[in-house]
Amino acid sequence: MGDLLALAGLALLDSTSLGTLVIPLVLVIARRRVDVGPLSIYFATVVVIYYGLGVGIALGFDMLSDTASQVWSSRPAQWFKLVAGLALFGYGLLAPDPVKREESRKAPTRLSPGTMIALGAGAALTEAATMVPYLAANGIITAMPVGWPVRLALLAGYCLVMILPALVLIAAAAMLGERLWPRLERLVPTLERQTKITLLWVASLAGLWMAGTGFSELDL
């Protein structure tokens, strides 16, 4: 149960990213309507790419577990974890706070299937470099004593929870219409700024963990 709660928490953290929350809301707000077809294509693209990356990462963990564990426990690797962790911690702690965007982001004028696939793929692949929560979730899933069918189901569930907050807000916008547009317009710049701040905190915590584990193994 603890692992499932951790996965749910990480998925909700991932749900606040630019690609899973901010961009879909911008698409809805800028056009003042919910285009179900194009948005479905966008979310499907994001989920498929995240899921594919997750399966690839899990397969890599599984196939390289013995070799990777030996390399990762070597003394040079501990120095790397210490130095890289301190650098990541320093970046997350000392980087200036993101400036809140005042103007609204521009939505594409045409929401064709090709446009939505390109937008979803671009958002997902751009964020792949900072998917610390997703990597942590993959580590939890691959460490669980379950077979591949359950692992694949857990990855699918993670990806669905990841887009759930955006779907809830978009459904509310579809039902409430004009009463919700002004609030959503004010919410997007704040969400975008908070997303960047959250990533800095994640970088700090991940860096602190890396540096701590590397230092403890070095016995300095």
Protein backbone atom coordinates (compact mmCIF):
# COMPACT_ATOMS: atom_id res chain seq x y z
CA MET A 1 0.00 0.00 0.00
CA GLY A 2 2.86 2.35 0.80
CA ASP A 3 4.32 1.89 -2.69
CA LEU A 4 0.96 2.64 -4.29
CA LEU A 5 0.55 5.82 -2.24
CA ALA A 6 4.06 6.91 -3.22
CA LEU A 7 3.25 6.27 -6.90
CA ALA A 8 0.02 8.27 -6.62
CA GLY A 9 1.88 11.17 -5.00
CA LEU A 10 4.57 11.16 -7.69
CA ALA A 11 1.92 11.01 -10.44
CA LEU A 12 0.10 14.01 -8.96
CA LEU A 13 3.42 15.86 -8.80
CA ASP A 14 3.97 15.04 -12.48
CA SER A 15 0.43 16.24 -13.22
CA THR A 16 1.44 19.84 -12.49
CA SER A 17 4.00 19.99 -15.30
CA LEU A 18 3.86 22.29 -18.32
CA GLY A 19 2.86 19.52 -20.71
CA THR A 20 0.25 17.79 -18.55
CA LEU A 21 -1.52 20.84 -17.11
CA VAL A 22 -0.48 24.27 -18.36
CA ILE A 23 -0.54 23.68 -22.13
CA PRO A 24 -3.96 21.92 -22.14
CA LEU A 25 -5.45 24.74 -20.06
CA VAL A 26 -3.98 27.34 -22.43
CA LEU A 27 -5.55 25.52 -25.39
CA VAL A 28 -8.93 25.69 -23.69
CA ILE A 29 -8.71 29.24 -22.35
CA ALA A 30 -7.32 30.88 -25.49
CA ARG A 31 -10.15 29.47 -27.62
CA ARG A 32 -12.84 29.81 -24.91
CA ARG A 33 -14.14 26.35 -25.69
CA VAL A 34 -13.29 22.70 -25.12
CA ASP A 35 -12.27 21.00 -28.38
CA VAL A 36 -12.68 17.38 -27.30
CA GLY A 37 -11.16 15.76 -30.40
CA PRO A 38 -7.90 17.76 -30.56
CA LEU A 39 -7.46 17.65 -26.78
CA SER A 40 -7.95 13.87 -26.82
CA ILE A 41 -5.21 13.56 -29.44
CA TYR A 42 -2.92 15.80 -27.36
CA PHE A 43 -3.44 13.82 -24.13
CA ALA A 44 -3.13 10.48 -25.96
CA THR A 45 0.21 11.60 -27.44
CA VAL A 46 1.57 12.69 -24.04
CA VAL A 47 0.41 9.48 -22.35
CA VAL A 48 1.75 7.18 -25.10
CA ILE A 49 5.18 8.86 -25.06
CA TYR A 50 5.41 8.81 -21.26
CA TYR A 51 4.23 5.21 -21.18
CA GLY A 52 6.71 4.18 -23.88
CA LEU A 53 9.56 5.88 -22.06
CA GLY A 54 8.46 4.25 -18.82
CA VAL A 55 8.41 0.76 -20.35
CA GLY A 56 11.85 1.37 -21.88
CA ILE A 57 13.25 2.57 -18.56
CA ALA A 58 11.73 -0.39 -16.69
CA LEU A 59 13.17 -2.83 -19.25
CA GLY A 60 16.55 -1.18 -18.87
CA PHE A 61 16.37 -1.47 -15.09
CA ASP A 62 15.42 -5.13 -15.41
CA MET A 63 18.03 -6.18 -17.98
CA LEU A 64 20.91 -4.13 -16.60
CA SER A 65 20.16 -4.55 -12.91
CA ASP A 66 23.24 -6.70 -12.09
CA THR A 67 25.72 -4.73 -14.20
CA ALA A 68 24.26 -1.39 -13.23
CA SER A 69 24.34 -2.23 -9.53
CA GLN A 70 28.04 -3.15 -9.75
CA VAL A 71 28.94 0.03 -11.64
CA TRP A 72 26.75 2.23 -9.45
CA SER A 73 28.36 0.87 -6.26
CA SER A 74 31.95 1.50 -7.44
CA ARG A 75 34.07 4.23 -5.83
CA PRO A 76 34.19 6.48 -8.95
CA ALA A 77 30.40 6.30 -9.09
CA GLN A 78 30.17 7.46 -5.45
CA TRP A 79 32.36 10.47 -6.27
CA PHE A 80 30.14 11.19 -9.27
CA LYS A 81 27.01 11.00 -7.09
CA LEU A 82 28.58 13.31 -4.51
CA VAL A 83 29.72 15.96 -7.02
CA ALA A 84 26.67 15.75 -9.28
CA GLY A 85 24.34 15.73 -6.27
CA LEU A 86 25.93 18.85 -4.79
CA ALA A 87 25.70 20.59 -8.18
CA LEU A 88 22.04 19.63 -8.56
CA PHE A 89 21.28 20.67 -4.98
CA GLY A 90 23.03 24.01 -5.52
CA TYR A 91 21.15 24.65 -8.74
CA GLY A 92 17.79 23.91 -7.16
CA LEU A 93 18.56 26.01 -4.10
CA LEU A 94 20.33 29.00 -5.68
CA ALA A 95 18.55 29.37 -9.02
CA PRO A 96 16.45 32.55 -9.10
CA ASP A 97 12.72 32.13 -8.61
CA PRO A 98 10.87 32.03 -11.94
CA VAL A 99 9.15 35.25 -12.91
CA LYS A 100 5.40 35.05 -13.16
CA ARG A 101 4.29 35.40 -16.77
CA GLU A 102 1.95 38.36 -17.19
CA GLU A 103 0.81 37.88 -20.76
CA SER A 104 -1.15 34.83 -21.86
CA ARG A 105 0.50 32.09 -23.88
CA LYS A 106 -0.64 31.89 -27.47
CA ALA A 107 -2.55 28.81 -28.54
CA PRO A 108 -2.18 27.33 -32.03
CA THR A 109 -4.69 28.82 -34.45
CA ARG A 110 -5.39 25.39 -36.01
CA LEU A 111 -5.84 22.34 -33.83
CA SER A 112 -5.33 19.74 -36.55
CA PRO A 113 -4.37 16.17 -35.53
CA GLY A 114 -0.81 16.74 -36.76
CA THR A 115 -0.50 19.95 -34.75
CA MET A 116 -1.75 18.28 -31.57
CA ILE A 117 0.55 15.28 -31.99
CA ALA A 118 3.54 17.57 -32.56
CA LEU A 119 2.57 19.72 -29.56
CA GLY A 120 2.08 16.72 -27.28
CA ALA A 121 5.27 15.02 -28.43
CA GLY A 122 7.27 18.23 -28.05
CA ALA A 123 5.97 18.82 -24.53
CA ALA A 124 6.56 15.22 -23.39
CA LEU A 125 10.04 14.88 -24.90
CA THR A 126 11.15 18.29 -23.66
CA GLU A 127 10.17 17.37 -20.12
CA ALA A 128 11.84 13.96 -20.38
CA ALA A 129 15.11 15.56 -19.26
CA THR A 130 13.53 16.63 -15.95
CA MET A 131 11.26 13.66 -15.24
CA VAL A 132 12.71 13.01 -11.77
CA PRO A 133 9.33 11.94 -10.28
CA TYR A 134 8.77 9.53 -13.18
CA LEU A 135 12.22 8.00 -12.76
CA ALA A 136 11.53 7.57 -9.05
CA ALA A 137 8.18 5.94 -9.86
CA ASN A 138 9.88 3.55 -12.29
CA GLY A 139 12.37 2.62 -9.60
CA ILE A 140 9.54 1.83 -7.18
CA ILE A 141 7.64 -0.24 -9.76
CA THR A 142 10.66 -2.29 -10.86
CA ALA A 143 11.57 -2.97 -7.23
CA MET A 144 8.10 -4.33 -6.43
CA PRO A 145 7.87 -8.16 -6.34
CA VAL A 146 5.33 -8.33 -9.17
CA GLY A 147 5.31 -9.63 -12.73
CA TRP A 148 5.43 -7.63 -15.93
CA PRO A 149 1.64 -7.53 -16.46
CA VAL A 150 1.23 -5.75 -13.11
CA ARG A 151 4.17 -3.44 -13.82
CA LEU A 152 2.68 -2.41 -17.15
CA ALA A 153 -0.70 -1.85 -15.50
CA LEU A 154 0.90 0.31 -12.80
CA LEU A 155 2.71 2.38 -15.42
CA ALA A 156 -0.55 2.87 -17.32
CA GLY A 157 -2.33 3.88 -14.11
CA TYR A 158 0.47 6.35 -13.31
CA CYS A 159 0.15 8.00 -16.73
CA LEU A 160 -3.63 8.31 -16.36
CA VAL A 161 -3.40 9.85 -12.88
CA MET A 162 -0.81 12.24 -14.32
CA ILE A 163 -3.39 13.84 -16.65
CA LEU A 164 -6.34 13.58 -14.25
CA PRO A 165 -6.16 17.12 -12.74
CA ALA A 166 -6.12 18.69 -16.22
CA LEU A 167 -9.09 16.56 -17.28
CA VAL A 168 -11.04 17.62 -14.16
CA LEU A 169 -10.37 21.32 -14.79
CA ILE A 170 -11.24 21.02 -18.48
CA ALA A 171 -14.48 19.16 -17.64
CA ALA A 172 -15.35 21.93 -15.17
CA ALA A 173 -14.66 24.52 -17.88
CA ALA A 174 -16.95 22.66 -20.28
CA MET A 175 -19.78 22.58 -17.72
CA LEU A 176 -19.41 26.05 -16.17
CA GLY A 177 -18.30 27.93 -19.28
CA GLU A 178 -18.21 31.71 -18.89
CA ARG A 179 -18.22 31.59 -15.10
CA LEU A 180 -14.90 29.75 -15.05
CA TRP A 181 -12.90 31.37 -17.88
CA PRO A 182 -11.68 34.44 -15.91
CA ARG A 183 -10.54 32.27 -13.00
CA LEU A 184 -8.68 29.88 -15.27
CA GLU A 185 -6.99 32.79 -17.05
CA ARG A 186 -5.67 34.05 -13.73
CA LEU A 187 -4.69 30.54 -12.69
CA VAL A 188 -2.45 29.61 -15.64
CA PRO A 189 0.47 32.04 -15.00
CA THR A 190 0.48 31.03 -11.33
CA LEU A 191 0.48 27.33 -12.21
CA GLU A 192 3.31 27.83 -14.68
CA ARG A 193 5.43 29.61 -12.08
CA GLN A 194 4.63 27.06 -9.36
CA THR A 195 5.54 24.23 -11.74
CA LYS A 196 9.00 25.69 -12.27
CA ILE A 197 9.44 26.25 -8.53
CA THR A 198 8.40 22.64 -7.85
CA LEU A 199 11.02 21.41 -10.32
CA LEU A 200 13.68 23.40 -8.47
CA TRP A 201 12.63 21.79 -5.19
CA VAL A 202 12.68 18.34 -6.80
CA ALA A 203 16.18 19.07 -8.14
CA SER A 204 17.32 20.14 -4.65
CA LEU A 205 15.93 17.05 -2.93
CA ALA A 206 17.24 14.67 -5.60
CA GLY A 207 20.66 16.32 -5.43
CA LEU A 208 20.71 16.13 -1.63
CA TRP A 209 19.85 12.43 -1.77
CA MET A 210 22.54 11.73 -4.40
CA ALA A 211 25.21 13.64 -2.49
CA GLY A 212 24.22 12.00 0.79
CA THR A 213 24.36 8.46 -0.57
CA GLY A 214 27.66 9.11 -2.35
CA PHE A 215 29.23 10.64 0.77
CA SER A 216 28.06 7.80 3.04
CA GLU A 217 29.56 5.16 0.70
CA LEU A 218 32.92 6.93 0.40
CA ASP A 219 33.62 6.80 4.16
CA LEU A 220 35.51 10.09 4.05
